[in-house]
Amino acid sequence: MTSYWGRVDERLIRRGEIILDLRFVRSYSDELRELNYGKRGGHTG
């Protein structure tokens, strides 16, 4: 009996990569800074 769990794990990992697209995290800091620009009480640095 051969184990196929390696293939199953690989497929689940690939599925997770498609579902959890985290590209938005890279630009989150810049977008947040832009949204808060000029507002009172925000971080200025």
PDB file of N, CA and C in Angstrom:
ATOM      1  N   MET A   1       0.849  -1.198   0.000  1.00  0.00           N
ATOM      2  CA  MET A   1       0.000   0.000   0.000  1.00  0.00           C
ATOM      3  C   MET A   1       0.885   1.249   0.000  1.00  0.00           C
ATOM      4  N   THR A   2       0.704   2.076  -0.980  1.00  0.00           N
ATOM      5  CA  THR A   2       1.504   3.295  -1.079  1.00  0.00           C
ATOM      6  C   THR A   2       0.773   4.472  -0.455  1.00  0.00           C
ATOM      7  N   SER A   3       1.566   5.346   0.127  1.00  0.00           N
ATOM      8  CA  SER A   3       0.998   6.524   0.769  1.00  0.00           C
ATOM      9  C   SER A   3       0.882   7.658  -0.248  1.00  0.00           C
ATOM     10  N   TYR A   4      -0.241   8.274  -0.283  1.00  0.00           N
ATOM     11  CA  TYR A   4      -0.448   9.388  -1.206  1.00  0.00           C
ATOM     12  C   TYR A   4      -0.615  10.701  -0.448  1.00  0.00           C
ATOM     13  N   TRP A   5      -0.301  10.705   0.844  1.00  0.00           N
ATOM     14  CA  TRP A   5      -0.500  11.913   1.643  1.00  0.00           C
ATOM     15  C   TRP A   5       0.390  13.064   1.204  1.00  0.00           C
ATOM     16  N   GLY A   6       1.550  12.767   0.641  1.00  0.00           N
ATOM     17  CA  GLY A   6       2.407  13.835   0.130  1.00  0.00           C
ATOM     18  C   GLY A   6       1.727  14.622  -0.970  1.00  0.00           C
ATOM     19  N   ARG A   7       1.068  13.899  -1.871  1.00  0.00           N
ATOM     20  CA  ARG A   7       0.333  14.573  -2.954  1.00  0.00           C
ATOM     21  C   ARG A   7      -0.863  15.340  -2.412  1.00  0.00           C
ATOM     22  N   VAL A   8      -1.553  14.755  -1.435  1.00  0.00           N
ATOM     23  CA  VAL A   8      -2.708  15.429  -0.834  1.00  0.00           C
ATOM     24  C   VAL A   8      -2.261  16.711  -0.153  1.00  0.00           C
ATOM     25  N   ASP A   9      -1.180  16.637   0.622  1.00  0.00           N
ATOM     26  CA  ASP A   9      -0.667  17.832   1.300  1.00  0.00           C
ATOM     27  C   ASP A   9      -0.289  18.920   0.300  1.00  0.00           C
ATOM     28  N   GLU A  10       0.380  18.530  -0.775  1.00  0.00           N
ATOM     29  CA  GLU A  10       0.788  19.496  -1.783  1.00  0.00           C
ATOM     30  C   GLU A  10      -0.425  20.175  -2.414  1.00  0.00           C
ATOM     31  N   ARG A  11      -1.464  19.423  -2.681  1.00  0.00           N
ATOM     32  CA  ARG A  11      -2.678  20.013  -3.263  1.00  0.00           C
ATOM     33  C   ARG A  11      -3.349  20.963  -2.287  1.00  0.00           C
ATOM     34  N   LEU A  12      -3.382  20.605  -1.014  1.00  0.00           N
ATOM     35  CA  LEU A  12      -4.000  21.485  -0.016  1.00  0.00           C
ATOM     36  C   LEU A  12      -3.211  22.777   0.148  1.00  0.00           C
ATOM     37  N   ILE A  13      -1.897  22.663   0.095  1.00  0.00           N
ATOM     38  CA  ILE A  13      -1.061  23.859   0.196  1.00  0.00           C
ATOM     39  C   ILE A  13      -1.331  24.774  -0.988  1.00  0.00           C
ATOM     40  N   ARG A  14      -1.381  24.214  -2.192  1.00  0.00           N
ATOM     41  CA  ARG A  14      -1.670  25.026  -3.385  1.00  0.00           C
ATOM     42  C   ARG A  14      -3.045  25.659  -3.293  1.00  0.00           C
ATOM     43  N   ARG A  15      -4.017  24.924  -2.789  1.00  0.00           N
ATOM     44  CA  ARG A  15      -5.366  25.472  -2.642  1.00  0.00           C
ATOM     45  C   ARG A  15      -5.338  26.650  -1.671  1.00  0.00           C
ATOM     46  N   GLY A  16      -4.593  26.520  -0.584  1.00  0.00           N
ATOM     47  CA  GLY A  16      -4.471  27.603   0.383  1.00  0.00           C
ATOM     48  C   GLY A  16      -3.808  28.832  -0.204  1.00  0.00           C
ATOM     49  N   GLU A  17      -2.841  28.631  -1.095  1.00  0.00           N
ATOM     50  CA  GLU A  17      -2.187  29.767  -1.732  1.00  0.00           C
ATOM     51  C   GLU A  17      -3.165  30.543  -2.595  1.00  0.00           C
ATOM     52  N   ILE A  18      -4.077  29.854  -3.213  1.00  0.00           N
ATOM     53  CA  ILE A  18      -5.070  30.523  -4.058  1.00  0.00           C
ATOM     54  C   ILE A  18      -6.090  31.259  -3.197  1.00  0.00           C
ATOM     55  N   ILE A  19      -6.540  30.632  -2.138  1.00  0.00           N
ATOM     56  CA  ILE A  19      -7.563  31.225  -1.275  1.00  0.00           C
ATOM     57  C   ILE A  19      -6.999  32.389  -0.472  1.00  0.00           C
ATOM     58  N   LEU A  20      -5.796  32.231   0.049  1.00  0.00           N
ATOM     59  CA  LEU A  20      -5.198  33.244   0.918  1.00  0.00           C
ATOM     60  C   LEU A  20      -4.222  34.117   0.143  1.00  0.00           C
ATOM     61  N   ASP A  21      -4.730  34.908  -0.752  1.00  0.00           N
ATOM     62  CA  ASP A  21      -3.893  35.814  -1.529  1.00  0.00           C
ATOM     63  C   ASP A  21      -3.551  37.008  -0.643  1.00  0.00           C
ATOM     64  N   LEU A  22      -2.319  37.084  -0.196  1.00  0.00           N
ATOM     65  CA  LEU A  22      -1.924  38.100   0.775  1.00  0.00           C
ATOM     66  C   LEU A  22      -1.168  39.270   0.150  1.00  0.00           C
ATOM     67  N   ARG A  23      -1.356  39.494  -1.129  1.00  0.00           N
ATOM     68  CA  ARG A  23      -0.655  40.613  -1.771  1.00  0.00           C
ATOM     69  C   ARG A  23      -1.069  41.955  -1.185  1.00  0.00           C
ATOM     70  N   PHE A  24      -2.291  42.043  -0.684  1.00  0.00           N
ATOM     71  CA  PHE A  24      -2.764  43.321  -0.140  1.00  0.00           C
ATOM     72  C   PHE A  24      -1.966  43.731   1.088  1.00  0.00           C
ATOM     73  N   VAL A  25      -1.354  42.796   1.780  1.00  0.00           N
ATOM     74  CA  VAL A  25      -0.596  43.104   2.992  1.00  0.00           C
ATOM     75  C   VAL A  25       0.640  43.927   2.660  1.00  0.00           C
ATOM     76  N   ARG A  26       1.220  43.701   1.504  1.00  0.00           N
ATOM     77  CA  ARG A  26       2.427  44.429   1.111  1.00  0.00           C
ATOM     78  C   ARG A  26       2.194  45.926   1.025  1.00  0.00           C
ATOM     79  N   SER A  27       1.042  46.333   0.543  1.00  0.00           N
ATOM     80  CA  SER A  27       0.779  47.754   0.350  1.00  0.00           C
ATOM     81  C   SER A  27      -0.115  48.344   1.443  1.00  0.00           C
ATOM     82  N   TYR A  28      -0.468  47.549   2.446  1.00  0.00           N
ATOM     83  CA  TYR A  28      -1.387  48.010   3.480  1.00  0.00           C
ATOM     84  C   TYR A  28      -0.859  49.238   4.212  1.00  0.00           C
ATOM     85  N   SER A  29       0.409  49.220   4.572  1.00  0.00           N
ATOM     86  CA  SER A  29       0.999  50.339   5.310  1.00  0.00           C
ATOM     87  C   SER A  29       0.927  51.630   4.503  1.00  0.00           C
ATOM     88  N   ASP A  30       1.268  51.549   3.223  1.00  0.00           N
ATOM     89  CA  ASP A  30       1.210  52.745   2.363  1.00  0.00           C
ATOM     90  C   ASP A  30      -0.215  53.250   2.218  1.00  0.00           C
ATOM     91  N   GLU A  31      -1.158  52.345   2.025  1.00  0.00           N
ATOM     92  CA  GLU A  31      -2.558  52.744   1.877  1.00  0.00           C
ATOM     93  C   GLU A  31      -3.090  53.373   3.160  1.00  0.00           C
ATOM     94  N   LEU A  32      -2.736  52.808   4.300  1.00  0.00           N
ATOM     95  CA  LEU A  32      -3.182  53.346   5.579  1.00  0.00           C
ATOM     96  C   LEU A  32      -2.612  54.744   5.796  1.00  0.00           C
ATOM     97  N   ARG A  33      -1.348  54.915   5.464  1.00  0.00           N
ATOM     98  CA  ARG A  33      -0.719  56.227   5.602  1.00  0.00           C
ATOM     99  C   ARG A  33      -1.424  57.238   4.705  1.00  0.00           C
ATOM    100  N   GLU A  34      -1.753  56.845   3.500  1.00  0.00           N
ATOM    101  CA  GLU A  34      -2.429  57.733   2.559  1.00  0.00           C
ATOM    102  C   GLU A  34      -3.833  58.090   3.045  1.00  0.00           C
ATOM    103  N   LEU A  35      -4.550  57.116   3.582  1.00  0.00           N
ATOM    104  CA  LEU A  35      -5.902  57.380   4.078  1.00  0.00           C
ATOM    105  C   LEU A  35      -5.900  58.324   5.276  1.00  0.00           C
ATOM    106  N   ASN A  36      -4.860  58.258   6.092  1.00  0.00           N
ATOM    107  CA  ASN A  36      -4.802  59.072   7.306  1.00  0.00           C
ATOM    108  C   ASN A  36      -4.055  60.387   7.124  1.00  0.00           C
ATOM    109  N   TYR A  37      -3.533  60.650   5.950  1.00  0.00           N
ATOM    110  CA  TYR A  37      -2.758  61.863   5.715  1.00  0.00           C
ATOM    111  C   TYR A  37      -3.610  63.101   5.993  1.00  0.00           C
ATOM    112  N   GLY A  38      -3.069  63.985   6.825  1.00  0.00           N
ATOM    113  CA  GLY A  38      -3.737  65.243   7.127  1.00  0.00           C
ATOM    114  C   GLY A  38      -4.800  65.156   8.205  1.00  0.00           C
ATOM    115  N   LYS A  39      -5.047  63.994   8.745  1.00  0.00           N
ATOM    116  CA  LYS A  39      -6.061  63.853   9.794  1.00  0.00           C
ATOM    117  C   LYS A  39      -5.429  64.072  11.160  1.00  0.00           C
ATOM    118  N   ARG A  40      -6.210  64.565  12.066  1.00  0.00           N
ATOM    119  CA  ARG A  40      -5.725  64.814  13.428  1.00  0.00           C
ATOM    120  C   ARG A  40      -5.626  63.516  14.208  1.00  0.00           C
ATOM    121  N   GLY A  41      -4.627  63.449  15.065  1.00  0.00           N
ATOM    122  CA  GLY A  41      -4.484  62.320  15.968  1.00  0.00           C
ATOM    123  C   GLY A  41      -3.796  61.119  15.372  1.00  0.00           C
ATOM    124  N   GLY A  42      -3.417  61.194  14.134  1.00  0.00           N
ATOM    125  CA  GLY A  42      -2.736  60.066  13.500  1.00  0.00           C
ATOM    126  C   GLY A  42      -1.240  60.110  13.718  1.00  0.00           C
ATOM    127  N   HIS A  43      -0.579  59.047  13.395  1.00  0.00           N
ATOM    128  CA  HIS A  43       0.867  58.965  13.474  1.00  0.00           C
ATOM    129  C   HIS A  43       1.445  59.776  12.325  1.00  0.00           C
ATOM    130  N   THR A  44       2.420  60.608  12.592  1.00  0.00           N
ATOM    131  CA  THR A  44       2.967  61.478  11.548  1.00  0.00           C
ATOM    132  C   THR A  44       4.262  60.936  10.973  1.00  0.00           C
ATOM    133  N   GLY A  45       4.803  59.858  11.497  1.00  0.00           N
ATOM    134  CA  GLY A  45       6.102  59.372  11.033  1.00  0.00           C
ATOM    135  C   GLY A  45       5.955  58.348  10.069  1.00  0.00           C
TER     136      GLY A  45
END
